[in-house]
Amino acid sequence: ATLKAINIIRGVVEKVKRNEALVPGRAQITRRTMVIGAGVAGI
């Protein structure tokens, strides 16, 4: 368990070394919906 933990942490260190600075994206949403069909599923 100890050796495995060391290896996992080393792998994550390597990941952090290569991580790029990210910025969460934003998307504009239009709140409209159109339902096509007048059957049971459409209703």
PDB file of all heavy atoms in Angstrom:
ATOM      1  N   ALA A   1       0.828  -1.206   0.000  1.00  0.00           N
ATOM      2  CA  ALA A   1       0.000   0.000   0.000  1.00  0.00           C
ATOM      3  C   ALA A   1       0.864   1.259   0.000  1.00  0.00           C
ATOM      4  O   ALA A   1       0.572   2.221  -0.713  1.00  0.00           O
ATOM      5  CB  ALA A   1      -0.936   0.001   1.203  1.00  0.00           C
ATOM      6  N   THR A   2       1.942   1.242   0.770  1.00  0.00           N
ATOM      7  CA  THR A   2       2.832   2.409   0.845  1.00  0.00           C
ATOM      8  C   THR A   2       3.521   2.654  -0.490  1.00  0.00           C
ATOM      9  O   THR A   2       3.555   3.789  -0.983  1.00  0.00           O
ATOM     10  CB  THR A   2       3.864   2.221   1.984  1.00  0.00           C
ATOM     11  OG1 THR A   2       3.156   2.077   3.218  1.00  0.00           O
ATOM     12  CG2 THR A   2       4.816   3.396   2.060  1.00  0.00           C
ATOM     13  N   LEU A   3       4.076   1.605  -1.088  1.00  0.00           N
ATOM     14  CA  LEU A   3       4.740   1.755  -2.394  1.00  0.00           C
ATOM     15  C   LEU A   3       3.758   2.196  -3.479  1.00  0.00           C
ATOM     16  O   LEU A   3       4.083   3.031  -4.327  1.00  0.00           O
ATOM     17  CB  LEU A   3       5.431   0.455  -2.789  1.00  0.00           C
ATOM     18  CG  LEU A   3       6.634   0.062  -1.942  1.00  0.00           C
ATOM     19  CD1 LEU A   3       7.146  -1.310  -2.337  1.00  0.00           C
ATOM     20  CD2 LEU A   3       7.731   1.111  -2.043  1.00  0.00           C
ATOM     21  N   LYS A   4       2.552   1.640  -3.433  1.00  0.00           N
ATOM     22  CA  LYS A   4       1.533   2.019  -4.405  1.00  0.00           C
ATOM     23  C   LYS A   4       1.154   3.491  -4.223  1.00  0.00           C
ATOM     24  O   LYS A   4       1.007   4.228  -5.207  1.00  0.00           O
ATOM     25  CB  LYS A   4       0.304   1.119  -4.244  1.00  0.00           C
ATOM     26  CG  LYS A   4      -0.748   1.287  -5.304  1.00  0.00           C
ATOM     27  CD  LYS A   4      -1.840   0.246  -5.094  1.00  0.00           C
ATOM     28  CE  LYS A   4      -2.981   0.403  -6.068  1.00  0.00           C
ATOM     29  NZ  LYS A   4      -4.055  -0.569  -5.806  1.00  0.00           N
ATOM     30  N   ALA A   5       1.017   3.950  -2.974  1.00  0.00           N
ATOM     31  CA  ALA A   5       0.697   5.354  -2.706  1.00  0.00           C
ATOM     32  C   ALA A   5       1.783   6.271  -3.259  1.00  0.00           C
ATOM     33  O   ALA A   5       1.484   7.292  -3.896  1.00  0.00           O
ATOM     34  CB  ALA A   5       0.519   5.583  -1.206  1.00  0.00           C
ATOM     35  N   ILE A   6       3.035   5.906  -3.050  1.00  0.00           N
ATOM     36  CA  ILE A   6       4.154   6.708  -3.568  1.00  0.00           C
ATOM     37  C   ILE A   6       4.060   6.808  -5.086  1.00  0.00           C
ATOM     38  O   ILE A   6       4.213   7.889  -5.660  1.00  0.00           O
ATOM     39  CB  ILE A   6       5.503   6.106  -3.116  1.00  0.00           C
ATOM     40  CG1 ILE A   6       5.678   6.299  -1.611  1.00  0.00           C
ATOM     41  CG2 ILE A   6       6.668   6.714  -3.896  1.00  0.00           C
ATOM     42  CD1 ILE A   6       6.805   5.473  -1.000  1.00  0.00           C
ATOM     43  N   ASN A   7       3.790   5.692  -5.745  1.00  0.00           N
ATOM     44  CA  ASN A   7       3.693   5.702  -7.209  1.00  0.00           C
ATOM     45  C   ASN A   7       2.506   6.512  -7.706  1.00  0.00           C
ATOM     46  O   ASN A   7       2.619   7.233  -8.703  1.00  0.00           O
ATOM     47  CB  ASN A   7       3.657   4.278  -7.748  1.00  0.00           C
ATOM     48  CG  ASN A   7       5.010   3.616  -7.697  1.00  0.00           C
ATOM     49  OD1 ASN A   7       6.033   4.263  -7.850  1.00  0.00           O
ATOM     50  ND2 ASN A   7       5.029   2.319  -7.444  1.00  0.00           N
ATOM     51  N   ILE A   8       1.370   6.394  -7.040  1.00  0.00           N
ATOM     52  CA  ILE A   8       0.199   7.180  -7.452  1.00  0.00           C
ATOM     53  C   ILE A   8       0.484   8.670  -7.288  1.00  0.00           C
ATOM     54  O   ILE A   8       0.184   9.471  -8.181  1.00  0.00           O
ATOM     55  CB  ILE A   8      -1.049   6.761  -6.641  1.00  0.00           C
ATOM     56  CG1 ILE A   8      -1.533   5.389  -7.115  1.00  0.00           C
ATOM     57  CG2 ILE A   8      -2.170   7.797  -6.770  1.00  0.00           C
ATOM     58  CD1 ILE A   8      -2.642   4.791  -6.272  1.00  0.00           C
ATOM     59  N   ILE A   9       1.082   9.038  -6.172  1.00  0.00           N
ATOM     60  CA  ILE A   9       1.377  10.458  -5.933  1.00  0.00           C
ATOM     61  C   ILE A   9       2.385  10.970  -6.953  1.00  0.00           C
ATOM     62  O   ILE A   9       2.236  12.079  -7.470  1.00  0.00           O
ATOM     63  CB  ILE A   9       1.863  10.673  -4.485  1.00  0.00           C
ATOM     64  CG1 ILE A   9       0.733  10.329  -3.506  1.00  0.00           C
ATOM     65  CG2 ILE A   9       2.326  12.107  -4.279  1.00  0.00           C
ATOM     66  CD1 ILE A   9       1.175  10.219  -2.058  1.00  0.00           C
ATOM     67  N   ARG A  10       3.391  10.182  -7.277  1.00  0.00           N
ATOM     68  CA  ARG A  10       4.350  10.588  -8.320  1.00  0.00           C
ATOM     69  C   ARG A  10       3.631  10.855  -9.640  1.00  0.00           C
ATOM     70  O   ARG A  10       3.927  11.825 -10.336  1.00  0.00           O
ATOM     71  CB  ARG A  10       5.406   9.500  -8.520  1.00  0.00           C
ATOM     72  CG  ARG A  10       6.444   9.442  -7.442  1.00  0.00           C
ATOM     73  CD  ARG A  10       7.406   8.295  -7.704  1.00  0.00           C
ATOM     74  NE  ARG A  10       8.435   8.237  -6.692  1.00  0.00           N
ATOM     75  CZ  ARG A  10       9.177   7.179  -6.446  1.00  0.00           C
ATOM     76  NH1 ARG A  10       8.992   6.068  -7.150  1.00  0.00           N
ATOM     77  NH2 ARG A  10      10.092   7.216  -5.506  1.00  0.00           N
ATOM     78  N   GLY A  11       2.705   9.965  -9.983  1.00  0.00           N
ATOM     79  CA  GLY A  11       1.942  10.151 -11.222  1.00  0.00           C
ATOM     80  C   GLY A  11       1.130  11.427 -11.208  1.00  0.00           C
ATOM     81  O   GLY A  11       1.066  12.149 -12.217  1.00  0.00           O
ATOM     82  N   VAL A  12       0.524  11.741 -10.071  1.00  0.00           N
ATOM     83  CA  VAL A  12      -0.275  12.966  -9.976  1.00  0.00           C
ATOM     84  C   VAL A  12       0.631  14.199  -9.992  1.00  0.00           C
ATOM     85  O   VAL A  12       0.280  15.221 -10.576  1.00  0.00           O
ATOM     86  CB  VAL A  12      -1.201  12.924  -8.738  1.00  0.00           C
ATOM     87  CG1 VAL A  12      -1.956  14.228  -8.575  1.00  0.00           C
ATOM     88  CG2 VAL A  12      -2.189  11.766  -8.858  1.00  0.00           C
ATOM     89  N   VAL A  13       1.815  14.101  -9.389  1.00  0.00           N
ATOM     90  CA  VAL A  13       2.782  15.206  -9.472  1.00  0.00           C
ATOM     91  C   VAL A  13       3.125  15.476 -10.935  1.00  0.00           C
ATOM     92  O   VAL A  13       3.147  16.629 -11.376  1.00  0.00           O
ATOM     93  CB  VAL A  13       4.059  14.907  -8.643  1.00  0.00           C
ATOM     94  CG1 VAL A  13       5.177  15.888  -8.988  1.00  0.00           C
ATOM     95  CG2 VAL A  13       3.758  14.946  -7.155  1.00  0.00           C
ATOM     96  N   GLU A  14       3.375  14.422 -11.691  1.00  0.00           N
ATOM     97  CA  GLU A  14       3.688  14.598 -13.117  1.00  0.00           C
ATOM     98  C   GLU A  14       2.513  15.240 -13.862  1.00  0.00           C
ATOM     99  O   GLU A  14       2.709  16.048 -14.765  1.00  0.00           O
ATOM    100  CB  GLU A  14       4.080  13.265 -13.747  1.00  0.00           C
ATOM    101  CG  GLU A  14       5.406  12.721 -13.256  1.00  0.00           C
ATOM    102  CD  GLU A  14       6.578  13.657 -13.496  1.00  0.00           C
ATOM    103  OE1 GLU A  14       6.636  14.303 -14.568  1.00  0.00           O
ATOM    104  OE2 GLU A  14       7.436  13.761 -12.606  1.00  0.00           O
ATOM    105  N   LYS A  15       1.298  14.879 -13.488  1.00  0.00           N
ATOM    106  CA  LYS A  15       0.113  15.488 -14.101  1.00  0.00           C
ATOM    107  C   LYS A  15       0.066  16.978 -13.797  1.00  0.00           C
ATOM    108  O   LYS A  15      -0.153  17.802 -14.690  1.00  0.00           O
ATOM    109  CB  LYS A  15      -1.158  14.800 -13.617  1.00  0.00           C
ATOM    110  CG  LYS A  15      -2.435  15.366 -14.223  1.00  0.00           C
ATOM    111  CD  LYS A  15      -3.653  14.636 -13.685  1.00  0.00           C
ATOM    112  CE  LYS A  15      -4.934  15.010 -14.380  1.00  0.00           C
ATOM    113  NZ  LYS A  15      -5.189  16.408 -14.576  1.00  0.00           N
ATOM    114  N   VAL A  16       0.287  17.338 -12.525  1.00  0.00           N
ATOM    115  CA  VAL A  16       0.247  18.755 -12.141  1.00  0.00           C
ATOM    116  C   VAL A  16       1.341  19.538 -12.858  1.00  0.00           C
ATOM    117  O   VAL A  16       1.123  20.679 -13.261  1.00  0.00           O
ATOM    118  CB  VAL A  16       0.346  18.914 -10.601  1.00  0.00           C
ATOM    119  CG1 VAL A  16       0.548  20.371 -10.201  1.00  0.00           C
ATOM    120  CG2 VAL A  16      -0.902  18.363  -9.936  1.00  0.00           C
ATOM    121  N   LYS A  17       2.503  18.928 -13.053  1.00  0.00           N
ATOM    122  CA  LYS A  17       3.582  19.606 -13.782  1.00  0.00           C
ATOM    123  C   LYS A  17       3.130  20.007 -15.178  1.00  0.00           C
ATOM    124  O   LYS A  17       3.557  21.021 -15.716  1.00  0.00           O
ATOM    125  CB  LYS A  17       4.804  18.690 -13.916  1.00  0.00           C
ATOM    126  CG  LYS A  17       5.612  18.526 -12.664  1.00  0.00           C
ATOM    127  CD  LYS A  17       6.776  17.579 -12.961  1.00  0.00           C
ATOM    128  CE  LYS A  17       7.617  17.312 -11.755  1.00  0.00           C
ATOM    129  NZ  LYS A  17       8.741  16.381 -12.052  1.00  0.00           N
ATOM    130  N   ARG A  18       2.257  19.201 -15.765  1.00  0.00           N
ATOM    131  CA  ARG A  18       1.835  19.433 -17.153  1.00  0.00           C
ATOM    132  C   ARG A  18       0.474  20.124 -17.279  1.00  0.00           C
ATOM    133  O   ARG A  18       0.061  20.467 -18.370  1.00  0.00           O
ATOM    134  CB  ARG A  18       1.808  18.096 -17.890  1.00  0.00           C
ATOM    135  CG  ARG A  18       3.198  17.540 -18.114  1.00  0.00           C
ATOM    136  CD  ARG A  18       3.179  16.047 -18.419  1.00  0.00           C
ATOM    137  NE  ARG A  18       4.505  15.535 -18.685  1.00  0.00           N
ATOM    138  CZ  ARG A  18       5.415  15.269 -17.756  1.00  0.00           C
ATOM    139  NH1 ARG A  18       5.156  15.471 -16.488  1.00  0.00           N
ATOM    140  NH2 ARG A  18       6.605  14.792 -18.087  1.00  0.00           N
ATOM    141  N   ASN A  19      -0.235  20.278 -16.164  1.00  0.00           N
ATOM    142  CA  ASN A  19      -1.547  20.936 -16.213  1.00  0.00           C
ATOM    143  C   ASN A  19      -1.415  22.355 -16.747  1.00  0.00           C
ATOM    144  O   ASN A  19      -0.472  23.067 -16.420  1.00  0.00           O
ATOM    145  CB  ASN A  19      -2.178  21.005 -14.814  1.00  0.00           C
ATOM    146  CG  ASN A  19      -2.861  19.730 -14.403  1.00  0.00           C
ATOM    147  OD1 ASN A  19      -2.873  18.751 -15.134  1.00  0.00           O
ATOM    148  ND2 ASN A  19      -3.419  19.728 -13.206  1.00  0.00           N
ATOM    149  N   GLU A  20      -2.366  22.734 -17.554  1.00  0.00           N
ATOM    150  CA  GLU A  20      -2.443  24.109 -18.039  1.00  0.00           C
ATOM    151  C   GLU A  20      -3.461  24.859 -17.203  1.00  0.00           C
ATOM    152  O   GLU A  20      -4.387  24.276 -16.651  1.00  0.00           O
ATOM    153  CB  GLU A  20      -2.855  24.124 -19.511  1.00  0.00           C
ATOM    154  CG  GLU A  20      -1.825  23.506 -20.428  1.00  0.00           C
ATOM    155  CD  GLU A  20      -2.222  23.594 -21.887  1.00  0.00           C
ATOM    156  OE1 GLU A  20      -3.058  24.456 -22.229  1.00  0.00           O
ATOM    157  OE2 GLU A  20      -1.696  22.812 -22.667  1.00  0.00           O
ATOM    158  N   ALA A  21      -3.279  26.162 -17.127  1.00  0.00           N
ATOM    159  CA  ALA A  21      -4.235  26.988 -16.393  1.00  0.00           C
ATOM    160  C   ALA A  21      -5.545  27.027 -17.180  1.00  0.00           C
ATOM    161  O   ALA A  21      -5.579  27.482 -18.318  1.00  0.00           O
ATOM    162  CB  ALA A  21      -3.679  28.395 -16.210  1.00  0.00           C
ATOM    163  N   LEU A  22      -6.597  26.511 -16.587  1.00  0.00           N
ATOM    164  CA  LEU A  22      -7.893  26.484 -17.245  1.00  0.00           C
ATOM    165  C   LEU A  22      -8.810  27.530 -16.644  1.00  0.00           C
ATOM    166  O   LEU A  22      -8.671  27.900 -15.482  1.00  0.00           O
ATOM    167  CB  LEU A  22      -8.533  25.102 -17.089  1.00  0.00           C
ATOM    168  CG  LEU A  22      -7.764  23.918 -17.666  1.00  0.00           C
ATOM    169  CD1 LEU A  22      -8.499  22.622 -17.353  1.00  0.00           C
ATOM    170  CD2 LEU A  22      -7.577  24.081 -19.155  1.00  0.00           C
ATOM    171  N   VAL A  23      -9.737  27.982 -17.446  1.00  0.00           N
ATOM    172  CA  VAL A  23     -10.770  28.898 -16.990  1.00  0.00           C
ATOM    173  C   VAL A  23     -12.101  28.280 -17.390  1.00  0.00           C
ATOM    174  O   VAL A  23     -12.293  27.953 -18.565  1.00  0.00           O
ATOM    175  CB  VAL A  23     -10.608  30.290 -17.648  1.00  0.00           C
ATOM    176  CG1 VAL A  23     -11.712  31.227 -17.207  1.00  0.00           C
ATOM    177  CG2 VAL A  23      -9.241  30.869 -17.332  1.00  0.00           C
ATOM    178  N   PRO A  24     -13.009  28.104 -16.424  1.00  0.00           N
ATOM    179  CA  PRO A  24     -14.311  27.522 -16.783  1.00  0.00           C
ATOM    180  C   PRO A  24     -15.003  28.363 -17.851  1.00  0.00           C
ATOM    181  O   PRO A  24     -14.999  29.596 -17.784  1.00  0.00           O
ATOM    182  CB  PRO A  24     -15.107  27.546 -15.477  1.00  0.00           C
ATOM    183  CG  PRO A  24     -14.068  27.622 -14.402  1.00  0.00           C
ATOM    184  CD  PRO A  24     -12.910  28.386 -15.002  1.00  0.00           C
ATOM    185  N   GLY A  25     -15.564  27.685 -18.843  1.00  0.00           N
ATOM    186  CA  GLY A  25     -16.258  28.379 -19.919  1.00  0.00           C
ATOM    187  C   GLY A  25     -17.671  28.777 -19.519  1.00  0.00           C
ATOM    188  O   GLY A  25     -18.240  28.257 -18.566  1.00  0.00           O
ATOM    189  N   ARG A  26     -18.187  29.698 -20.253  1.00  0.00           N
ATOM    190  CA  ARG A  26     -19.570  30.132 -20.036  1.00  0.00           C
ATOM    191  C   ARG A  26     -20.294  30.025 -21.368  1.00  0.00           C
ATOM    192  O   ARG A  26     -19.727  30.307 -22.417  1.00  0.00           O
ATOM    193  CB  ARG A  26     -19.633  31.573 -19.554  1.00  0.00           C
ATOM    194  CG  ARG A  26     -19.011  31.762 -18.181  1.00  0.00           C
ATOM    195  CD  ARG A  26     -19.620  32.990 -17.542  1.00  0.00           C
ATOM    196  NE  ARG A  26     -19.145  33.154 -16.190  1.00  0.00           N
ATOM    197  CZ  ARG A  26     -19.820  32.754 -15.126  1.00  0.00           C
ATOM    198  NH1 ARG A  26     -20.983  32.162 -15.252  1.00  0.00           N
ATOM    199  NH2 ARG A  26     -19.327  32.958 -13.932  1.00  0.00           N
ATOM    200  N   ALA A  27     -21.541  29.624 -21.277  1.00  0.00           N
ATOM    201  CA  ALA A  27     -22.361  29.511 -22.486  1.00  0.00           C
ATOM    202  C   ALA A  27     -23.680  30.239 -22.246  1.00  0.00           C
ATOM    203  O   ALA A  27     -24.275  30.132 -21.171  1.00  0.00           O
ATOM    204  CB  ALA A  27     -22.632  28.047 -22.815  1.00  0.00           C
ATOM    205  N   GLN A  28     -24.103  30.972 -23.252  1.00  0.00           N
ATOM    206  CA  GLN A  28     -25.378  31.665 -23.151  1.00  0.00           C
ATOM    207  C   GLN A  28     -26.480  30.675 -23.522  1.00  0.00           C
ATOM    208  O   GLN A  28     -26.360  29.934 -24.502  1.00  0.00           O
ATOM    209  CB  GLN A  28     -25.409  32.865 -24.086  1.00  0.00           C
ATOM    210  CG  GLN A  28     -26.604  33.752 -23.857  1.00  0.00           C
ATOM    211  CD  GLN A  28     -26.509  35.038 -24.665  1.00  0.00           C
ATOM    212  OE1 GLN A  28     -25.589  35.204 -25.454  1.00  0.00           O
ATOM    213  NE2 GLN A  28     -27.458  35.913 -24.460  1.00  0.00           N
ATOM    214  N   ILE A  29     -27.530  30.658 -22.727  1.00  0.00           N
ATOM    215  CA  ILE A  29     -28.622  29.713 -22.938  1.00  0.00           C
ATOM    216  C   ILE A  29     -29.888  30.476 -23.285  1.00  0.00           C
ATOM    217  O   ILE A  29     -30.226  31.462 -22.637  1.00  0.00           O
ATOM    218  CB  ILE A  29     -28.862  28.861 -21.673  1.00  0.00           C
ATOM    219  CG1 ILE A  29     -27.606  28.045 -21.363  1.00  0.00           C
ATOM    220  CG2 ILE A  29     -30.074  27.977 -21.830  1.00  0.00           C
ATOM    221  CD1 ILE A  29     -27.667  27.314 -20.049  1.00  0.00           C
ATOM    222  N   THR A  30     -30.562  30.018 -24.313  1.00  0.00           N
ATOM    223  CA  THR A  30     -31.872  30.562 -24.660  1.00  0.00           C
ATOM    224  C   THR A  30     -32.903  29.598 -24.106  1.00  0.00           C
ATOM    225  O   THR A  30     -32.908  28.419 -24.440  1.00  0.00           O
ATOM    226  CB  THR A  30     -32.032  30.684 -26.200  1.00  0.00           C
ATOM    227  OG1 THR A  30     -30.955  31.487 -26.679  1.00  0.00           O
ATOM    228  CG2 THR A  30     -33.362  31.292 -26.562  1.00  0.00           C
ATOM    229  N   ARG A  31     -33.785  30.096 -23.266  1.00  0.00           N
ATOM    230  CA  ARG A  31     -34.751  29.233 -22.579  1.00  0.00           C
ATOM    231  C   ARG A  31     -36.026  29.081 -23.417  1.00  0.00           C
ATOM    232  O   ARG A  31     -37.077  29.603 -23.067  1.00  0.00           O
ATOM    233  CB  ARG A  31     -35.069  29.802 -21.204  1.00  0.00           C
ATOM    234  CG  ARG A  31     -33.873  29.790 -20.294  1.00  0.00           C
ATOM    235  CD  ARG A  31     -34.258  30.293 -18.917  1.00  0.00           C
ATOM    236  NE  ARG A  31     -33.205  29.992 -17.971  1.00  0.00           N
ATOM    237  CZ  ARG A  31     -33.204  28.945 -17.168  1.00  0.00           C
ATOM    238  NH1 ARG A  31     -34.201  28.101 -17.156  1.00  0.00           N
ATOM    239  NH2 ARG A  31     -32.203  28.742 -16.346  1.00  0.00           N
ATOM    240  N   ARG A  32     -35.907  28.358 -24.507  1.00  0.00           N
ATOM    241  CA  ARG A  32     -37.069  28.037 -25.328  1.00  0.00           C
ATOM    242  C   ARG A  32     -36.983  26.585 -25.748  1.00  0.00           C
ATOM    243  O   ARG A  32     -35.910  26.059 -25.973  1.00  0.00           O
ATOM    244  CB  ARG A  32     -37.091  28.906 -26.590  1.00  0.00           C
ATOM    245  CG  ARG A  32     -37.533  30.327 -26.318  1.00  0.00           C
ATOM    246  CD  ARG A  32     -37.697  31.059 -27.605  1.00  0.00           C
ATOM    247  NE  ARG A  32     -36.659  32.108 -27.569  1.00  0.00           N
ATOM    248  CZ  ARG A  32     -36.176  32.714 -28.607  1.00  0.00           C
ATOM    249  NH1 ARG A  32     -36.598  32.408 -29.799  1.00  0.00           N
ATOM    250  NH2 ARG A  32     -35.271  33.640 -28.493  1.00  0.00           N
ATOM    251  N   THR A  33     -38.127  25.957 -25.843  1.00  0.00           N
ATOM    252  CA  THR A  33     -38.182  24.558 -26.240  1.00  0.00           C
ATOM    253  C   THR A  33     -39.331  24.371 -27.212  1.00  0.00           C
ATOM    254  O   THR A  33     -40.379  24.990 -27.071  1.00  0.00           O
ATOM    255  CB  THR A  33     -38.435  23.655 -25.013  1.00  0.00           C
ATOM    256  OG1 THR A  33     -37.413  23.902 -24.052  1.00  0.00           O
ATOM    257  CG2 THR A  33     -38.428  22.200 -25.385  1.00  0.00           C
ATOM    258  N   MET A  34     -39.094  23.502 -28.168  1.00  0.00           N
ATOM    259  CA  MET A  34     -40.176  23.137 -29.073  1.00  0.00           C
ATOM    260  C   MET A  34     -40.294  21.615 -29.043  1.00  0.00           C
ATOM    261  O   MET A  34     -39.310  20.903 -29.196  1.00  0.00           O
ATOM    262  CB  MET A  34     -39.876  23.586 -30.501  1.00  0.00           C
ATOM    263  CG  MET A  34     -40.978  23.172 -31.479  1.00  0.00           C
ATOM    264  SD  MET A  34     -40.820  23.886 -33.118  1.00  0.00           S
ATOM    265  CE  MET A  34     -39.426  23.012 -33.769  1.00  0.00           C
ATOM    266  N   VAL A  35     -41.508  21.148 -28.797  1.00  0.00           N
ATOM    267  CA  VAL A  35     -41.771  19.721 -28.789  1.00  0.00           C
ATOM    268  C   VAL A  35     -42.511  19.392 -30.077  1.00  0.00           C
ATOM    269  O   VAL A  35     -43.523  20.008 -30.392  1.00  0.00           O
ATOM    270  CB  VAL A  35     -42.616  19.316 -27.557  1.00  0.00           C
ATOM    271  CG1 VAL A  35     -42.965  17.837 -27.630  1.00  0.00           C
ATOM    272  CG2 VAL A  35     -41.871  19.645 -26.275  1.00  0.00           C
ATOM    273  N   ILE A  36     -41.979  18.440 -30.806  1.00  0.00           N
ATOM    274  CA  ILE A  36     -42.614  18.024 -32.047  1.00  0.00           C
ATOM    275  C   ILE A  36     -43.304  16.695 -31.792  1.00  0.00           C
ATOM    276  O   ILE A  36     -42.691  15.747 -31.326  1.00  0.00           O
ATOM    277  CB  ILE A  36     -41.578  17.890 -33.184  1.00  0.00           C
ATOM    278  CG1 ILE A  36     -40.918  19.247 -33.422  1.00  0.00           C
ATOM    279  CG2 ILE A  36     -42.219  17.357 -34.453  1.00  0.00           C
ATOM    280  CD1 ILE A  36     -39.781  19.224 -34.398  1.00  0.00           C
ATOM    281  N   GLY A  37     -44.578  16.657 -32.071  1.00  0.00           N
ATOM    282  CA  GLY A  37     -45.356  15.435 -31.879  1.00  0.00           C
ATOM    283  C   GLY A  37     -46.455  15.661 -30.860  1.00  0.00           C
ATOM    284  O   GLY A  37     -46.247  16.301 -29.832  1.00  0.00           O
ATOM    285  N   ALA A  38     -47.632  15.124 -31.158  1.00  0.00           N
ATOM    286  CA  ALA A  38     -48.784  15.308 -30.270  1.00  0.00           C
ATOM    287  C   ALA A  38     -49.248  13.986 -29.693  1.00  0.00           C
ATOM    288  O   ALA A  38     -50.332  13.903 -29.121  1.00  0.00           O
ATOM    289  CB  ALA A  38     -49.920  15.986 -31.021  1.00  0.00           C
ATOM    290  N   GLY A  39     -48.410  12.967 -29.822  1.00  0.00           N
ATOM    291  CA  GLY A  39     -48.759  11.674 -29.237  1.00  0.00           C
ATOM    292  C   GLY A  39     -48.470  11.697 -27.740  1.00  0.00           C
ATOM    293  O   GLY A  39     -48.164  12.734 -27.143  1.00  0.00           O
ATOM    294  N   VAL A  40     -48.558  10.525 -27.126  1.00  0.00           N
ATOM    295  CA  VAL A  40     -48.339  10.420 -25.679  1.00  0.00           C
ATOM    296  C   VAL A  40     -46.943  10.925 -25.314  1.00  0.00           C
ATOM    297  O   VAL A  40     -46.784  11.691 -24.362  1.00  0.00           O
ATOM    298  CB  VAL A  40     -48.539   8.959 -25.216  1.00  0.00           C
ATOM    299  CG1 VAL A  40     -48.185   8.795 -23.752  1.00  0.00           C
ATOM    300  CG2 VAL A  40     -49.974   8.520 -25.470  1.00  0.00           C
ATOM    301  N   ALA A  41     -45.916  10.523 -26.064  1.00  0.00           N
ATOM    302  CA  ALA A  41     -44.546  10.942 -25.760  1.00  0.00           C
ATOM    303  C   ALA A  41     -44.391  12.452 -25.903  1.00  0.00           C
ATOM    304  O   ALA A  41     -43.752  13.105 -25.064  1.00  0.00           O
ATOM    305  CB  ALA A  41     -43.560  10.218 -26.673  1.00  0.00           C
ATOM    306  N   GLY A  42     -44.962  13.032 -26.941  1.00  0.00           N
ATOM    307  CA  GLY A  42     -44.873  14.480 -27.148  1.00  0.00           C
ATOM    308  C   GLY A  42     -45.574  15.257 -26.055  1.00  0.00           C
ATOM    309  O   GLY A  42     -45.047  16.258 -25.552  1.00  0.00           O
ATOM    310  N   ILE A  43     -46.739  14.802 -25.664  1.00  0.00           N
ATOM    311  CA  ILE A  43     -47.486  15.499 -24.609  1.00  0.00           C
ATOM    312  C   ILE A  43     -46.735  15.375 -23.279  1.00  0.00           C
ATOM    313  O   ILE A  43     -46.622  16.348 -22.537  1.00  0.00           O
ATOM    314  CB  ILE A  43     -48.928  14.949 -24.513  1.00  0.00           C
ATOM    315  CG1 ILE A  43     -49.699  15.360 -25.777  1.00  0.00           C
ATOM    316  CG2 ILE A  43     -49.628  15.463 -23.253  1.00  0.00           C
ATOM    317  CD1 ILE A  43     -51.054  14.715 -25.910  1.00  0.00           C
TER     318      ILE A  43
END
